[in-house]
Amino acid sequence: MQIPHIVFLLPLLVGTEGFNNAPGRKQIKYSRVSASSKLRMVRFDQSQEKWVPSAPEDRVGYGPVGTLLRVGPKPFVIRITNIDNYDQGVYKLMANENLSRMEAQGNFDAYLENPNDWAYQYFKEKGGGYKKDYVNDGMDPKSLVFKGLWSSLILALASRGAYCYSTGDYFYDFLKGI
């Protein structure tokens, strides 16, 4: 019986989500780009029925690996499988909220990860509450090392499971020699 390869990625997809917003983590604040210093805008092109950036800088943000490190695998998979819709969502957020490309990407990635939590945070910010930094959140060296170690552990377990499944060995047979 063949099982899809995605089954072996499920522990990775589920296992790393919980560490992005661990209690007690230091939250980094940043300042939004002021409207006067931001002359470029994203506009809606009626002929193409798409959001179009006016400046080349609005096309550049962080890459798909940045999405994976900041938010996790769910937005990463959505981003690499549906590039045009991802960019349109980011451009629309840039235009409607007057955000830079990276701020809009961070917000959109957080929305793709969990729309309810993002909406809750959005309305808290609009009401004068804490402004979450989606660009730098989880990108400090300590968090990156922790994510790398946790992902390595999950991948090792998933690899062992795949090996045992394909050879018919028991998962814990390697402990017999200890």
Protein backbone atom coordinates (compact mmCIF):
# COMPACT_ATOMS: atom_id res chain seq x y z
CA MET A 1 0.00 0.00 0.00
CA GLN A 2 1.42 3.37 -1.01
CA ILE A 3 0.71 6.38 1.16
CA PRO A 4 1.06 9.94 -0.06
CA HIS A 5 4.28 11.71 0.82
CA ILE A 6 2.34 14.54 2.46
CA VAL A 7 1.52 12.22 5.36
CA PHE A 8 5.16 12.36 6.42
CA LEU A 9 5.10 16.17 6.36
CA LEU A 10 2.07 16.43 8.65
CA PRO A 11 4.11 16.32 11.89
CA LEU A 12 6.23 19.16 10.55
CA LEU A 13 3.17 21.16 9.50
CA VAL A 14 1.48 20.74 12.86
CA GLY A 15 4.51 20.56 15.14
CA THR A 16 6.04 23.98 14.58
CA GLU A 17 2.94 26.20 14.81
CA GLY A 18 2.82 26.53 18.56
CA PHE A 19 6.18 28.20 19.01
CA ASN A 20 5.52 31.41 17.12
CA ASN A 21 3.59 33.07 19.95
CA ALA A 22 4.84 31.31 23.06
CA PRO A 23 3.90 33.04 26.35
CA GLY A 24 6.63 35.21 27.77
CA ARG A 25 8.28 35.84 24.42
CA LYS A 26 9.59 39.33 23.97
CA GLN A 27 7.49 41.28 21.49
CA ILE A 28 9.37 43.76 19.31
CA LYS A 29 7.66 46.99 18.36
CA TYR A 30 8.33 48.87 15.17
CA SER A 31 7.18 52.12 13.67
CA ARG A 32 4.94 52.26 10.66
CA VAL A 33 6.15 54.17 7.62
CA SER A 34 4.58 57.60 7.73
CA ALA A 35 2.17 58.53 4.96
CA SER A 36 4.25 61.55 3.96
CA SER A 37 7.40 59.47 3.42
CA LYS A 38 5.49 56.84 1.48
CA LEU A 39 4.84 58.32 -1.94
CA ARG A 40 4.40 55.06 -3.80
CA MET A 41 1.01 53.45 -3.80
CA VAL A 42 -0.65 50.33 -5.05
CA ARG A 43 -3.56 50.95 -7.38
CA PHE A 44 -6.33 48.82 -8.82
CA ASP A 45 -6.09 48.42 -12.61
CA GLN A 46 -9.64 48.17 -13.98
CA SER A 47 -8.54 46.76 -17.33
CA GLN A 48 -6.67 43.82 -15.76
CA GLU A 49 -8.89 43.65 -12.69
CA LYS A 50 -5.78 43.34 -10.53
CA TRP A 51 -3.91 45.33 -7.92
CA VAL A 52 -0.74 46.75 -9.46
CA PRO A 53 2.20 48.27 -7.56
CA SER A 54 3.30 51.69 -8.80
CA ALA A 55 6.95 51.33 -7.77
CA PRO A 56 9.43 48.45 -8.21
CA GLU A 57 10.13 48.53 -4.45
CA ASP A 58 6.55 47.40 -3.85
CA ARG A 59 7.27 44.12 -5.63
CA VAL A 60 10.10 43.21 -3.25
CA GLY A 61 9.53 41.80 0.22
CA TYR A 62 10.77 38.73 2.00
CA GLY A 63 10.77 35.41 0.21
CA PRO A 64 8.85 32.19 0.82
CA VAL A 65 11.44 30.99 3.35
CA GLY A 66 10.77 34.19 5.31
CA THR A 67 7.10 33.21 5.39
CA LEU A 68 8.01 29.73 6.62
CA LEU A 69 10.24 31.08 9.39
CA ARG A 70 7.88 33.84 10.52
CA VAL A 71 4.52 32.12 10.50
CA GLY A 72 4.91 28.45 9.67
CA PRO A 73 4.17 25.95 6.95
CA LYS A 74 0.50 26.70 6.22
CA PRO A 75 1.02 30.19 4.65
CA PHE A 76 4.26 28.93 3.07
CA VAL A 77 2.42 26.19 1.17
CA ILE A 78 -0.36 28.61 0.16
CA ARG A 79 2.24 31.12 -1.02
CA ILE A 80 4.22 28.72 -3.22
CA THR A 81 1.14 27.03 -4.68
CA ASN A 82 -0.87 30.18 -5.44
CA ILE A 83 1.60 32.98 -6.14
CA ASP A 84 -0.71 35.39 -7.99
CA ASN A 85 -3.49 35.32 -5.40
CA TYR A 86 -0.92 35.72 -2.62
CA ASP A 87 0.54 38.81 -4.28
CA GLN A 88 -2.93 40.23 -4.94
CA GLY A 89 -3.80 39.81 -1.26
CA VAL A 90 -0.61 41.58 -0.22
CA TYR A 91 -1.15 44.42 -2.70
CA LYS A 92 -4.75 44.90 -1.58
CA LEU A 93 -3.63 45.08 2.04
CA MET A 94 -0.92 47.58 1.08
CA ALA A 95 -3.47 49.80 -0.67
CA ASN A 96 -6.25 49.57 1.90
CA GLU A 97 -4.12 49.90 5.04
CA ASN A 98 -1.27 52.05 3.68
CA LEU A 99 1.36 49.48 4.69
CA SER A 100 4.81 48.79 3.32
CA ARG A 101 5.31 45.56 1.36
CA MET A 102 6.92 43.74 4.30
CA GLU A 103 4.26 44.89 6.78
CA ALA A 104 1.52 43.79 4.39
CA GLN A 105 3.22 40.44 3.84
CA GLY A 106 3.55 39.87 7.57
CA ASN A 107 -0.10 40.71 8.12
CA PHE A 108 -1.26 38.59 5.20
CA ASP A 109 0.85 35.63 6.31
CA ALA A 110 -0.63 35.91 9.80
CA TYR A 111 -4.10 36.06 8.25
CA LEU A 112 -3.43 32.91 6.21
CA GLU A 113 -2.16 31.11 9.31
CA ASN A 114 -5.18 31.94 11.47
CA PRO A 115 -7.76 34.46 10.20
CA ASN A 116 -9.60 34.66 13.53
CA ASP A 117 -6.51 35.53 15.57
CA TRP A 118 -5.38 38.02 12.94
CA ALA A 119 -8.81 39.72 12.91
CA TYR A 120 -8.85 39.87 16.71
CA GLN A 121 -5.40 41.50 16.74
CA TYR A 122 -6.38 43.85 13.90
CA PHE A 123 -9.41 45.17 15.76
CA LYS A 124 -7.41 45.49 18.99
CA GLU A 125 -4.88 47.63 17.10
CA LYS A 126 -7.66 49.75 15.58
CA GLY A 127 -9.04 50.29 19.08
CA GLY A 128 -5.71 51.64 20.29
CA GLY A 129 -4.33 48.36 21.65
CA TYR A 130 -0.96 46.72 21.20
CA LYS A 131 0.46 46.76 17.65
CA LYS A 132 1.97 43.39 16.80
CA ASP A 133 5.12 43.31 14.72
CA TYR A 134 4.46 40.63 12.11
CA VAL A 135 7.70 41.43 10.25
CA ASN A 136 10.19 40.76 13.05
CA ASP A 137 8.15 38.41 15.23
CA GLY A 138 10.01 35.15 15.71
CA MET A 139 13.06 36.27 13.74
CA ASP A 140 15.42 36.83 16.69
CA PRO A 141 18.36 34.38 16.84
CA LYS A 142 17.03 32.52 19.88
CA SER A 143 13.68 31.80 18.19
CA LEU A 144 15.36 30.75 14.94
CA VAL A 145 17.64 28.28 16.76
CA PHE A 146 14.66 26.89 18.68
CA LYS A 147 12.63 26.49 15.47
CA GLY A 148 15.57 24.76 13.79
CA LEU A 149 16.04 22.32 16.65
CA TRP A 150 12.33 21.56 16.91
CA SER A 151 11.98 21.07 13.16
CA SER A 152 15.02 18.76 13.14
CA LEU A 153 13.46 16.63 15.87
CA ILE A 154 10.13 16.43 14.04
CA LEU A 155 11.86 15.57 10.75
CA ALA A 156 13.95 12.87 12.44
CA LEU A 157 10.82 11.27 13.92
CA ALA A 158 8.97 11.51 10.61
CA SER A 159 11.96 9.98 8.80
CA ARG A 160 12.12 7.13 11.30
CA GLY A 161 8.38 6.55 10.84
CA ALA A 162 8.75 6.48 7.05
CA TYR A 163 11.69 4.08 7.28
CA CYS A 164 9.83 1.74 9.65
CA TYR A 165 6.75 1.82 7.47
CA SER A 166 8.67 0.96 4.33
CA THR A 167 10.80 -1.82 5.90
CA GLY A 168 8.24 -3.28 8.29
CA ASP A 169 10.42 -2.63 11.37
CA TYR A 170 8.94 -1.48 14.65
CA PHE A 171 9.42 2.17 15.45
CA TYR A 172 11.26 1.54 18.73
CA ASP A 173 13.56 -1.28 17.50
CA PHE A 174 16.57 1.03 17.59
CA LEU A 175 16.26 1.16 21.40
CA LYS A 176 16.94 -2.57 21.77
CA GLY A 177 20.68 -2.03 21.48
CA ILE A 178 20.77 0.53 24.28
